[in-house]
Protein backbone atom coordinates (compact mmCIF):
# COMPACT_ATOMS: atom_id res chain seq x y z
CA UNK A 1 0.00 0.00 0.00
CA UNK A 2 1.33 3.43 -0.85
CA UNK A 3 0.27 7.04 -0.83
CA UNK A 4 1.76 9.53 -3.25
CA UNK A 5 2.01 13.31 -3.12
CA UNK A 6 3.90 15.84 -5.14
CA UNK A 7 4.74 19.44 -4.27
CA UNK A 8 5.29 20.52 -7.90
CA UNK A 9 3.93 19.35 -11.24
CA UNK A 10 7.49 18.79 -12.46
CA UNK A 11 9.02 16.52 -9.82
CA UNK A 12 12.74 15.99 -10.19
CA UNK A 13 12.67 12.41 -8.93
CA UNK A 14 10.31 9.68 -7.75
CA UNK A 15 11.21 8.77 -4.15
CA UNK A 16 9.77 5.99 -2.01
CA UNK A 17 9.73 6.47 1.76
CA UNK A 18 9.76 3.08 3.50
CA UNK A 19 7.02 2.64 6.10
CA UNK A 20 8.18 -0.07 8.50
CA UNK A 21 6.45 1.38 11.55
CA UNK A 22 9.29 3.44 13.07
CA UNK A 23 9.79 6.42 10.80
CA UNK A 24 9.21 10.14 11.06
CA UNK A 25 7.30 9.77 7.82
CA UNK A 26 5.30 12.97 7.44
CA UNK A 27 8.18 15.33 8.26
CA UNK A 28 10.49 13.46 5.90
CA UNK A 29 7.81 13.46 3.23
CA UNK A 30 7.31 17.22 3.49
CA UNK A 31 11.05 17.85 3.39
CA UNK A 32 11.50 15.73 0.27
CA UNK A 33 8.57 17.42 -1.41
CA UNK A 34 10.10 20.82 -0.67
CA UNK A 35 13.27 19.50 -2.27
CA UNK A 36 11.38 18.80 -5.49
CA UNK A 37 10.54 15.10 -5.23
CA UNK A 38 7.38 13.15 -5.82
CA UNK A 39 7.08 11.03 -2.67
CA UNK A 40 5.34 7.69 -2.11
CA UNK A 41 5.05 6.33 1.42
CA UNK A 42 4.96 2.57 1.06
CA UNK A 43 5.03 -0.69 2.98
CA UNK A 44 5.22 -2.70 -0.25
CA UNK A 45 8.75 -3.68 -1.36
CA UNK A 46 7.44 -4.15 -4.91
CA UNK A 47 7.39 -0.35 -5.14
CA UNK A 48 11.18 -0.11 -4.82
CA UNK A 49 12.26 -1.17 -8.30
CA UNK A 50 10.58 1.68 -10.19
CA UNK A 51 11.75 4.41 -7.80
CA UNK A 52 14.59 6.83 -8.48
CA UNK A 53 15.58 6.63 -4.81
CA UNK A 54 14.63 5.00 -1.52
CA UNK A 55 14.56 6.63 1.92
CA UNK A 56 14.79 4.54 5.10
CA UNK A 57 13.77 6.80 8.00
CA UNK A 58 13.80 5.77 11.62
CA UNK A 59 13.15 6.76 15.21
CA UNK A 60 13.56 4.20 18.00
CA UNK A 61 15.56 1.10 18.92
CA UNK A 62 17.88 -0.78 16.56
CA UNK A 63 16.47 -4.23 17.40
CA UNK A 64 12.87 -3.16 16.83
CA UNK A 65 13.86 -1.40 13.64
CA UNK A 66 15.52 -4.50 12.23
CA UNK A 67 12.64 -6.72 13.31
CA UNK A 68 10.12 -4.47 11.58
CA UNK A 69 12.32 -4.09 8.52
CA UNK A 70 12.71 -7.85 8.06
CA UNK A 71 10.43 -8.07 5.00
CA UNK A 72 12.40 -5.25 3.37
CA UNK A 73 15.90 -6.69 3.86
CA UNK A 74 16.20 -8.62 0.60
CA UNK A 75 14.41 -6.00 -1.56
CA UNK A 76 16.69 -3.28 -0.16
CA UNK A 77 19.75 -5.44 -0.85
CA UNK A 78 18.55 -5.95 -4.42
CA UNK A 79 18.04 -2.21 -4.82
CA UNK A 80 21.55 -1.53 -3.50
CA UNK A 81 22.98 -4.07 -5.96
CA UNK A 82 21.12 -2.35 -8.80
CA UNK A 83 22.81 0.90 -7.85
CA UNK A 84 19.65 2.63 -6.67
CA UNK A 85 20.27 5.42 -4.14
CA UNK A 86 19.28 4.40 -0.60
CA UNK A 87 19.26 7.12 2.07
CA UNK A 88 19.04 6.16 5.75
CA UNK A 89 18.07 8.81 8.31
CA UNK A 90 19.03 8.55 12.03
CA UNK A 91 18.03 4.99 13.03
CA UNK A 92 17.72 4.28 9.32
CA UNK A 93 21.40 5.16 8.95
CA UNK A 94 22.39 2.94 11.87
CA UNK A 95 20.47 0.07 10.31
CA UNK A 96 22.78 0.29 7.28
CA UNK A 97 25.60 -1.10 9.44
CA UNK A 98 26.31 -4.70 10.44
CA UNK A 99 25.18 -4.57 14.07
CA UNK A 100 24.73 -2.34 17.12
CA UNK A 101 25.75 -2.38 20.77
CA UNK A 102 22.25 -1.17 21.58
CA UNK A 103 20.81 -4.66 21.31
CA UNK A 104 23.53 -6.08 23.60
CA UNK A 105 22.93 -3.36 26.18
CA UNK A 106 19.23 -4.23 26.11
CA UNK A 107 20.04 -7.90 26.77
CA UNK A 108 18.88 -9.00 23.33
CA UNK A 109 22.19 -10.34 22.08
CA UNK A 110 23.54 -9.52 18.66
CA UNK A 111 21.03 -8.18 16.16
CA UNK A 112 22.09 -8.11 12.53
CA UNK A 113 21.74 -4.90 10.56
CA UNK A 114 21.53 -4.59 6.79
CA UNK A 115 25.35 -4.73 6.48
CA UNK A 116 25.50 -2.31 3.53
CA UNK A 117 28.25 -0.42 5.38
CA UNK A 118 30.28 -2.90 7.47
CA UNK A 119 30.67 -1.75 11.06
CA UNK A 120 28.82 -1.36 14.35
CA UNK A 121 26.96 1.30 16.31
CA UNK A 122 28.40 2.20 19.71
CA UNK A 123 27.07 4.17 22.68
CA UNK A 124 28.47 7.51 23.73
CA UNK A 125 30.75 7.33 26.79
CA UNK A 126 29.38 7.76 30.29
CA UNK A 127 31.06 11.15 30.58
CA UNK A 128 28.69 12.57 27.95
CA UNK A 129 25.03 13.47 28.34
CA UNK A 130 22.89 10.94 26.51
CA UNK A 131 20.99 11.28 24.31
CA UNK A 132 23.00 13.75 22.29
CA UNK A 133 20.34 16.29 21.38
CA UNK A 134 20.80 19.59 19.58
CA UNK A 135 22.56 21.44 16.78
CA UNK A 136 26.13 20.54 15.85
CA UNK A 137 28.54 21.47 13.08
CA UNK A 138 29.20 19.25 10.08
CA UNK A 139 32.82 18.68 9.10
CA UNK A 140 32.96 17.19 5.60
CA UNK A 141 35.79 14.66 5.25
CA UNK A 142 35.49 13.71 1.58
CA UNK A 143 33.47 14.42 -1.52
CA UNK A 144 30.02 12.93 -1.95
CA UNK A 145 26.98 14.46 -3.67
CA UNK A 146 24.91 14.31 -0.46
CA UNK A 147 27.17 16.83 1.36
CA UNK A 148 27.64 19.35 -1.43
CA UNK A 149 27.54 22.85 0.08
CA UNK A 150 27.08 21.92 3.76
CA UNK A 151 30.63 21.89 5.17
CA UNK A 152 30.66 23.93 8.39
CA UNK A 153 26.86 24.16 8.56
CA UNK A 154 24.78 22.95 11.52
CA UNK A 155 22.33 20.05 11.68
CA UNK A 156 19.96 18.70 14.33
CA UNK A 157 20.81 15.45 16.15
CA UNK A 158 18.89 13.22 18.58
CA UNK A 159 20.65 9.92 19.35
CA UNK A 160 22.48 7.82 21.96
CA UNK A 161 24.52 5.61 19.61
CA UNK A 162 26.73 6.45 16.66
CA UNK A 163 28.24 4.56 13.74
CA UNK A 164 31.76 3.14 13.69
CA UNK A 165 32.31 1.84 10.14
CA UNK A 166 35.08 -0.72 9.65
CA UNK A 167 36.46 1.27 6.72
CA UNK A 168 37.45 4.88 7.56
CA UNK A 169 36.68 5.81 3.95
CA UNK A 170 33.00 5.15 4.69
CA UNK A 171 32.95 8.36 6.76
CA UNK A 172 31.78 11.28 4.61
CA UNK A 173 31.31 13.89 7.36
CA UNK A 174 31.88 14.05 11.10
CA UNK A 175 30.53 15.98 14.09
CA UNK A 176 32.12 16.62 17.49
CA UNK A 177 30.23 15.88 20.71
CA UNK A 178 33.05 15.24 23.15
CA UNK A 179 34.16 12.66 20.60
CA UNK A 180 34.33 12.98 16.83
CA UNK A 181 31.75 10.65 15.29
CA UNK A 182 30.39 10.04 11.77
CA UNK A 183 27.51 12.32 10.86
CA UNK A 184 27.29 11.04 7.28
CA UNK A 185 28.42 7.64 5.98
CA UNK A 186 28.35 5.91 2.59
CA UNK A 187 29.12 2.50 1.15
CA UNK A 188 32.04 1.90 -1.20
CA UNK A 189 29.90 2.29 -4.32
CA UNK A 190 28.49 5.57 -2.99
CA UNK A 191 24.82 4.80 -3.66
CA UNK A 192 23.94 3.75 -0.09
CA UNK A 193 24.42 6.49 2.49
CA UNK A 194 22.93 7.96 5.62
CA UNK A 195 22.86 10.88 8.02
CA UNK A 196 22.89 10.50 11.78
CA UNK A 197 21.09 13.83 12.03
CA UNK A 198 17.56 14.57 10.85
CA UNK A 199 17.70 16.65 7.66
CA UNK A 200 13.93 17.16 7.82
CA UNK A 201 14.47 18.99 11.16
CA UNK A 202 17.67 20.83 10.19
CA UNK A 203 16.36 23.97 8.53
CA UNK A 204 18.10 25.21 5.40
CA UNK A 205 21.04 22.86 5.92
CA UNK A 206 18.71 19.89 5.97
CA UNK A 207 16.83 21.15 2.94
CA UNK A 208 20.14 21.41 1.07
CA UNK A 209 20.92 17.79 1.99
CA UNK A 210 17.50 16.67 0.75
CA UNK A 211 17.90 18.65 -2.47
CA UNK A 212 21.31 17.07 -2.96
CA UNK A 213 19.67 13.66 -2.57
CA UNK A 214 16.86 14.43 -4.98
CA UNK A 215 19.32 15.82 -7.56
CA UNK A 216 21.51 12.73 -7.14
CA UNK A 217 18.53 10.47 -7.76
CA UNK A 218 17.43 12.50 -10.78
CA UNK A 219 20.90 12.46 -12.32
CA UNK A 220 21.06 8.67 -12.15
């Protein structure tokens, strides 16, 4: 089942927003529409193949996210193999990794992520206030279309865990919160990426990120 809206008659790209029960769907939808996309909110993996790009949002616990996203695992992997852009937001970004300490801390043992970007998610140290909540500066580490024009700008974060990719080259941008951590990551091919912050809540910086994503999808 899907619902489709479009902010303009001439949408730049057709984007599907995955509804697996834990996403900030309406805010993400509005942000993508402002960025020029036609947006379908869907819980049907059959909708993925025809899309120009896929967004995996997320608010909540890693284990619950992966449990809910189970039916989407193989279709997302197929989309990644096809080279389709996949954009994970907050929990959605963490789900791109191999696993997370969050499940261990909750006594649930190891929970497997999507493993598009090998690595794990770790908790901030006890010396830091958790969750990390607020506006922090983005420090771009390498070129990627998603971060065009946002180096030194501020984005809005709400999280207790952060990504530690196995490959340092997977880190596209960092942020400092007592420790430098990845704010944006991407896989080796560059078509699967995510932001730890919420672009849909990050004002003009977030809108630039979403426009970068929409342009990237349109160009492919």
